[in-house]
N, C-alpha and C. Protein backbone atom coordinates (compact mmCIF):
# COMPACT_ATOMS: atom_id res chain seq x y z
N UNK A 1 6.20 28.14 -45.55
CA UNK A 1 7.50 27.54 -45.72
C UNK A 1 8.03 27.78 -47.12
N UNK A 2 9.35 27.84 -47.20
CA UNK A 2 10.03 28.09 -48.46
C UNK A 2 9.97 26.85 -49.37
N UNK A 3 10.09 27.06 -50.65
CA UNK A 3 9.99 25.97 -51.63
C UNK A 3 11.33 25.34 -51.99
N UNK A 4 12.46 26.09 -51.80
CA UNK A 4 13.76 25.55 -52.16
C UNK A 4 14.86 26.19 -51.32
N UNK A 5 16.01 25.52 -51.28
CA UNK A 5 17.17 26.01 -50.55
C UNK A 5 17.84 27.10 -51.39
N UNK A 6 18.27 28.17 -50.73
CA UNK A 6 19.02 29.24 -51.39
C UNK A 6 20.49 28.83 -51.44
N UNK A 7 20.87 28.16 -52.51
CA UNK A 7 22.23 27.64 -52.63
C UNK A 7 23.28 28.73 -52.78
N UNK A 8 22.86 29.95 -53.08
CA UNK A 8 23.80 31.06 -53.19
C UNK A 8 24.05 31.73 -51.83
N UNK A 9 23.37 31.27 -50.78
CA UNK A 9 23.48 31.93 -49.48
C UNK A 9 24.73 31.54 -48.70
N UNK A 10 25.40 30.47 -49.09
CA UNK A 10 26.63 30.05 -48.41
C UNK A 10 27.54 29.38 -49.43
N UNK A 11 28.84 29.63 -49.31
CA UNK A 11 29.79 29.10 -50.29
C UNK A 11 29.83 27.58 -50.35
N UNK A 12 29.48 26.89 -49.27
CA UNK A 12 29.50 25.42 -49.26
C UNK A 12 28.16 24.80 -49.65
N UNK A 13 27.12 25.60 -49.74
CA UNK A 13 25.76 25.05 -49.92
C UNK A 13 25.62 24.22 -51.20
N UNK A 14 26.14 24.67 -52.29
CA UNK A 14 25.97 23.94 -53.55
C UNK A 14 26.59 22.54 -53.47
N UNK A 15 27.71 22.40 -52.76
CA UNK A 15 28.37 21.10 -52.63
C UNK A 15 27.52 20.08 -51.89
N UNK A 16 26.60 20.56 -51.05
CA UNK A 16 25.79 19.67 -50.23
C UNK A 16 24.30 19.84 -50.53
N UNK A 17 23.98 20.24 -51.75
CA UNK A 17 22.61 20.59 -52.12
C UNK A 17 21.61 19.46 -51.90
N UNK A 18 22.00 18.22 -52.16
CA UNK A 18 21.07 17.11 -51.98
C UNK A 18 20.67 16.97 -50.52
N UNK A 19 21.65 16.97 -49.62
CA UNK A 19 21.34 16.85 -48.18
C UNK A 19 20.54 18.06 -47.70
N UNK A 20 20.89 19.25 -48.16
CA UNK A 20 20.19 20.46 -47.72
C UNK A 20 18.75 20.48 -48.23
N UNK A 21 18.53 20.03 -49.43
CA UNK A 21 17.17 20.04 -49.99
C UNK A 21 16.24 19.06 -49.26
N UNK A 22 16.82 18.07 -48.60
CA UNK A 22 16.00 17.14 -47.83
C UNK A 22 15.28 17.85 -46.68
N UNK A 23 15.79 19.00 -46.26
CA UNK A 23 15.19 19.75 -45.15
C UNK A 23 13.93 20.50 -45.59
N UNK A 24 13.82 20.80 -46.87
CA UNK A 24 12.68 21.57 -47.37
C UNK A 24 11.40 20.75 -47.20
N UNK A 25 10.38 21.39 -46.67
CA UNK A 25 9.10 20.74 -46.47
C UNK A 25 8.99 20.04 -45.11
N UNK A 26 10.11 19.93 -44.40
CA UNK A 26 10.06 19.34 -43.07
C UNK A 26 9.87 20.44 -42.03
N UNK A 27 9.29 20.05 -40.93
CA UNK A 27 9.05 21.00 -39.84
C UNK A 27 10.34 21.57 -39.29
N UNK A 28 10.37 22.85 -38.97
CA UNK A 28 11.54 23.40 -38.28
C UNK A 28 11.76 22.67 -36.96
N UNK A 29 13.03 22.42 -36.64
CA UNK A 29 13.33 21.70 -35.40
C UNK A 29 14.40 22.39 -34.56
N UNK A 30 14.66 23.67 -34.89
CA UNK A 30 15.67 24.42 -34.15
C UNK A 30 15.36 25.91 -34.22
N UNK A 31 15.46 26.58 -33.08
CA UNK A 31 15.32 28.05 -33.00
C UNK A 31 14.09 28.58 -33.74
N UNK A 32 13.00 27.88 -33.63
CA UNK A 32 11.68 28.27 -34.13
C UNK A 32 11.47 28.12 -35.64
N UNK A 33 12.45 28.45 -36.46
CA UNK A 33 12.19 28.39 -37.90
C UNK A 33 13.35 27.84 -38.73
N UNK A 34 14.22 27.05 -38.11
CA UNK A 34 15.33 26.42 -38.83
C UNK A 34 15.17 24.91 -38.79
N UNK A 35 15.72 24.29 -39.79
CA UNK A 35 15.80 22.83 -39.83
C UNK A 35 17.28 22.46 -39.76
N UNK A 36 17.63 21.61 -38.80
CA UNK A 36 19.00 21.13 -38.67
C UNK A 36 19.20 19.97 -39.65
N UNK A 37 20.32 20.00 -40.35
CA UNK A 37 20.67 18.93 -41.28
C UNK A 37 22.09 18.48 -40.93
N UNK A 38 22.29 17.18 -40.78
CA UNK A 38 23.62 16.65 -40.52
C UNK A 38 23.93 15.53 -41.51
N UNK A 39 25.20 15.34 -41.77
CA UNK A 39 25.62 14.25 -42.64
C UNK A 39 27.06 13.89 -42.31
N UNK A 40 27.44 12.68 -42.68
CA UNK A 40 28.78 12.19 -42.41
C UNK A 40 29.85 12.99 -43.12
N UNK A 41 30.96 13.20 -42.41
CA UNK A 41 32.09 13.96 -42.97
C UNK A 41 33.38 13.20 -42.75
N UNK A 42 33.31 11.89 -42.83
CA UNK A 42 34.47 11.05 -42.57
C UNK A 42 34.20 10.16 -41.37
N UNK A 43 35.19 9.38 -40.99
CA UNK A 43 35.02 8.46 -39.88
C UNK A 43 34.60 9.20 -38.62
N UNK A 44 33.45 8.85 -38.08
CA UNK A 44 32.91 9.42 -36.84
C UNK A 44 32.77 10.94 -36.86
N UNK A 45 32.65 11.56 -37.98
CA UNK A 45 32.52 13.02 -38.03
C UNK A 45 31.24 13.39 -38.78
N UNK A 46 30.57 14.43 -38.29
CA UNK A 46 29.37 14.91 -38.94
C UNK A 46 29.45 16.42 -39.14
N UNK A 47 28.98 16.84 -40.30
CA UNK A 47 28.82 18.26 -40.60
C UNK A 47 27.39 18.64 -40.24
N UNK A 48 27.21 19.85 -39.72
CA UNK A 48 25.89 20.34 -39.34
C UNK A 48 25.62 21.66 -40.03
N UNK A 49 24.42 21.77 -40.61
CA UNK A 49 24.00 23.02 -41.24
C UNK A 49 22.57 23.32 -40.82
N UNK A 50 22.17 24.58 -40.97
CA UNK A 50 20.80 25.01 -40.71
C UNK A 50 20.22 25.51 -42.01
N UNK A 51 18.95 25.22 -42.24
CA UNK A 51 18.22 25.78 -43.37
C UNK A 51 17.06 26.57 -42.78
N UNK A 52 16.99 27.84 -43.14
CA UNK A 52 15.91 28.71 -42.65
C UNK A 52 14.64 28.38 -43.43
N UNK A 53 13.61 27.95 -42.72
CA UNK A 53 12.35 27.56 -43.37
C UNK A 53 11.62 28.75 -43.97
N UNK A 54 11.99 29.98 -43.60
CA UNK A 54 11.31 31.16 -44.13
C UNK A 54 11.87 31.62 -45.47
N UNK A 55 13.20 31.51 -45.64
CA UNK A 55 13.79 32.03 -46.88
C UNK A 55 14.75 31.06 -47.57
N UNK A 56 15.00 29.89 -46.98
CA UNK A 56 15.86 28.89 -47.61
C UNK A 56 17.35 29.13 -47.45
N UNK A 57 17.74 30.17 -46.71
CA UNK A 57 19.16 30.46 -46.54
C UNK A 57 19.81 29.37 -45.69
N UNK A 58 21.10 29.14 -45.97
CA UNK A 58 21.85 28.07 -45.34
C UNK A 58 22.95 28.66 -44.47
N UNK A 59 23.13 28.07 -43.29
CA UNK A 59 24.18 28.46 -42.36
C UNK A 59 24.86 27.19 -41.86
N UNK A 60 26.18 27.18 -41.83
CA UNK A 60 26.92 26.01 -41.37
C UNK A 60 27.42 26.23 -39.94
N UNK A 61 27.37 25.17 -39.15
CA UNK A 61 27.91 25.23 -37.79
C UNK A 61 29.43 25.36 -37.89
N UNK A 62 30.06 26.04 -36.93
CA UNK A 62 31.51 26.26 -36.98
C UNK A 62 32.32 25.09 -36.42
N UNK A 63 31.79 23.90 -36.49
CA UNK A 63 32.47 22.73 -35.94
C UNK A 63 32.07 21.49 -36.74
N UNK A 64 32.84 20.44 -36.57
CA UNK A 64 32.50 19.11 -37.06
C UNK A 64 32.36 18.24 -35.82
N UNK A 65 31.18 17.71 -35.59
CA UNK A 65 30.96 16.90 -34.38
C UNK A 65 31.42 15.47 -34.62
N UNK A 66 31.69 14.79 -33.54
CA UNK A 66 32.09 13.38 -33.62
C UNK A 66 30.90 12.46 -33.34
N UNK A 67 29.99 12.91 -32.46
CA UNK A 67 28.84 12.07 -32.10
C UNK A 67 27.53 12.83 -32.28
N UNK A 68 27.48 13.71 -33.26
CA UNK A 68 26.24 14.39 -33.59
C UNK A 68 25.95 15.60 -32.73
N UNK A 69 24.70 16.07 -32.85
CA UNK A 69 24.24 17.25 -32.12
C UNK A 69 22.88 16.96 -31.50
N UNK A 70 22.56 17.75 -30.49
CA UNK A 70 21.24 17.68 -29.87
C UNK A 70 20.68 19.10 -29.88
N UNK A 71 19.35 19.20 -30.02
CA UNK A 71 18.71 20.51 -30.11
C UNK A 71 17.22 20.36 -29.87
N UNK A 72 16.55 21.49 -29.68
CA UNK A 72 15.11 21.52 -29.45
C UNK A 72 14.48 22.52 -30.41
N UNK A 73 13.23 22.33 -30.78
CA UNK A 73 12.58 23.22 -31.76
C UNK A 73 12.52 24.69 -31.37
N UNK A 74 12.30 25.00 -30.11
CA UNK A 74 12.16 26.40 -29.71
C UNK A 74 13.32 26.89 -28.86
N UNK A 75 14.48 26.33 -29.09
CA UNK A 75 15.68 26.71 -28.35
C UNK A 75 16.77 27.11 -29.34
N UNK A 76 17.64 28.01 -28.91
CA UNK A 76 18.78 28.43 -29.73
C UNK A 76 20.06 27.72 -29.32
N UNK A 77 19.94 26.72 -28.44
CA UNK A 77 21.09 25.98 -27.95
C UNK A 77 21.33 24.73 -28.81
N UNK A 78 22.55 24.57 -29.27
CA UNK A 78 22.95 23.39 -30.04
C UNK A 78 24.07 22.72 -29.25
N UNK A 79 23.90 21.44 -28.98
CA UNK A 79 24.87 20.70 -28.17
C UNK A 79 25.68 19.79 -29.08
N UNK A 80 26.96 20.05 -29.15
CA UNK A 80 27.90 19.24 -29.94
C UNK A 80 28.36 18.06 -29.08
N UNK A 81 28.31 16.86 -29.61
CA UNK A 81 28.67 15.65 -28.87
C UNK A 81 27.85 15.56 -27.57
N UNK A 82 26.54 15.33 -27.70
CA UNK A 82 25.67 15.29 -26.51
C UNK A 82 26.17 14.30 -25.47
N UNK A 83 26.01 14.64 -24.18
CA UNK A 83 26.51 13.78 -23.10
C UNK A 83 26.00 12.34 -23.16
N UNK A 84 24.75 12.14 -23.55
CA UNK A 84 24.24 10.77 -23.63
C UNK A 84 24.98 9.95 -24.69
N UNK A 85 25.30 10.59 -25.81
CA UNK A 85 26.05 9.89 -26.88
C UNK A 85 27.49 9.61 -26.45
N UNK A 86 28.10 10.58 -25.76
CA UNK A 86 29.47 10.40 -25.28
C UNK A 86 29.53 9.27 -24.27
N UNK A 87 28.58 9.26 -23.33
CA UNK A 87 28.54 8.19 -22.31
C UNK A 87 28.39 6.82 -22.95
N UNK A 88 27.51 6.72 -23.93
CA UNK A 88 27.29 5.44 -24.61
C UNK A 88 28.56 5.00 -25.35
N UNK A 89 29.22 5.94 -26.00
CA UNK A 89 30.44 5.61 -26.74
C UNK A 89 31.54 5.14 -25.80
N UNK A 90 31.75 5.87 -24.71
CA UNK A 90 32.80 5.51 -23.76
C UNK A 90 32.48 4.17 -23.11
N UNK A 91 31.23 3.95 -22.76
CA UNK A 91 30.83 2.68 -22.14
C UNK A 91 31.08 1.51 -23.10
N UNK A 92 30.70 1.68 -24.36
CA UNK A 92 30.88 0.61 -25.35
C UNK A 92 32.35 0.35 -25.67
N UNK A 93 33.17 1.41 -25.66
CA UNK A 93 34.58 1.22 -26.03
C UNK A 93 35.41 0.73 -24.85
N UNK A 94 34.96 1.03 -23.62
CA UNK A 94 35.71 0.63 -22.45
C UNK A 94 36.93 1.50 -22.19
N UNK A 95 37.09 2.54 -22.95
CA UNK A 95 38.23 3.45 -22.81
C UNK A 95 37.80 4.71 -22.06
N UNK A 96 38.75 5.43 -21.45
CA UNK A 96 38.40 6.73 -20.85
C UNK A 96 37.98 7.71 -21.95
N UNK A 97 37.22 8.72 -21.57
CA UNK A 97 36.74 9.69 -22.56
C UNK A 97 37.90 10.50 -23.14
N UNK A 98 38.06 10.45 -24.46
CA UNK A 98 39.13 11.25 -25.08
C UNK A 98 38.73 12.73 -25.18
N UNK A 99 39.72 13.60 -25.26
CA UNK A 99 39.49 15.05 -25.34
C UNK A 99 38.62 15.42 -26.54
N UNK A 100 38.78 14.73 -27.66
CA UNK A 100 38.03 15.07 -28.87
C UNK A 100 36.55 14.75 -28.76
N UNK A 101 36.13 14.12 -27.66
CA UNK A 101 34.70 13.86 -27.44
C UNK A 101 34.10 14.80 -26.41
N UNK A 102 34.71 15.94 -26.24
CA UNK A 102 34.19 16.93 -25.30
C UNK A 102 32.81 17.41 -25.75
N UNK A 103 31.89 17.56 -24.81
CA UNK A 103 30.58 18.13 -25.09
C UNK A 103 30.72 19.65 -25.06
N UNK A 104 30.30 20.30 -26.15
CA UNK A 104 30.37 21.75 -26.25
C UNK A 104 28.98 22.31 -26.51
N UNK A 105 28.75 23.51 -26.00
CA UNK A 105 27.46 24.16 -26.11
C UNK A 105 27.59 25.41 -26.97
N UNK A 106 26.69 25.53 -27.94
CA UNK A 106 26.70 26.64 -28.89
C UNK A 106 25.35 27.34 -28.87
N UNK A 107 25.37 28.67 -28.89
CA UNK A 107 24.13 29.45 -28.92
C UNK A 107 24.02 30.16 -30.27
N UNK A 108 22.86 30.02 -30.89
CA UNK A 108 22.59 30.67 -32.17
C UNK A 108 22.23 32.13 -31.92
N UNK A 109 22.94 33.03 -32.59
CA UNK A 109 22.66 34.46 -32.51
C UNK A 109 21.86 34.84 -33.75
N UNK A 110 20.57 35.05 -33.57
CA UNK A 110 19.69 35.32 -34.70
C UNK A 110 20.04 36.63 -35.41
N UNK A 111 20.47 37.63 -34.65
CA UNK A 111 20.83 38.91 -35.27
C UNK A 111 22.05 38.82 -36.16
N UNK A 112 23.07 38.09 -35.70
CA UNK A 112 24.32 37.94 -36.45
C UNK A 112 24.32 36.72 -37.36
N UNK A 113 23.33 35.85 -37.19
CA UNK A 113 23.21 34.61 -37.98
C UNK A 113 24.48 33.76 -37.85
N UNK A 114 24.88 33.54 -36.61
CA UNK A 114 26.07 32.74 -36.35
C UNK A 114 25.97 32.09 -34.97
N UNK A 115 26.83 31.11 -34.74
CA UNK A 115 26.90 30.46 -33.44
C UNK A 115 28.00 31.07 -32.59
N UNK A 116 27.76 31.12 -31.29
CA UNK A 116 28.76 31.52 -30.32
C UNK A 116 28.93 30.37 -29.35
N UNK A 117 30.18 29.99 -29.12
CA UNK A 117 30.42 28.92 -28.16
C UNK A 117 30.24 29.46 -26.75
N UNK A 118 29.48 28.73 -25.94
CA UNK A 118 29.26 29.14 -24.56
C UNK A 118 30.40 28.65 -23.70
N UNK A 119 30.81 29.44 -22.71
CA UNK A 119 31.91 29.01 -21.85
C UNK A 119 31.51 27.81 -21.01
N UNK A 120 32.49 26.99 -20.72
CA UNK A 120 32.26 25.83 -19.86
C UNK A 120 32.20 26.28 -18.41
N UNK A 121 31.33 25.63 -17.65
CA UNK A 121 31.29 25.89 -16.21
C UNK A 121 32.43 25.15 -15.56
N UNK A 122 33.05 25.78 -14.63
CA UNK A 122 34.20 25.15 -13.94
C UNK A 122 33.85 24.83 -12.52
């Protein structure tokens, strides 16, 4: 495992260095060798980034989630606004599900080092 975050690997990394450094030394929990890091970005919003445990490079998700993300250690699938969180929120609020709480699925492309949004099933 890497000893420090490569803050020069992304233009936003230095601004969030404290949160990103918390990932160092922790077990990878996404796509075999990445650590997912999330933090608040305003009311009900979270920013998501990945730290590569092999070289410390940082990658940011192309979205701001409202109810977090779900993921698995050996999967490249990242779920924005997981269905269980959306259901709990809607149940607690008593309101119908708003459009901004849509569950979206993102696939990590290891070759391009970016996320691709997967199409919704109709």
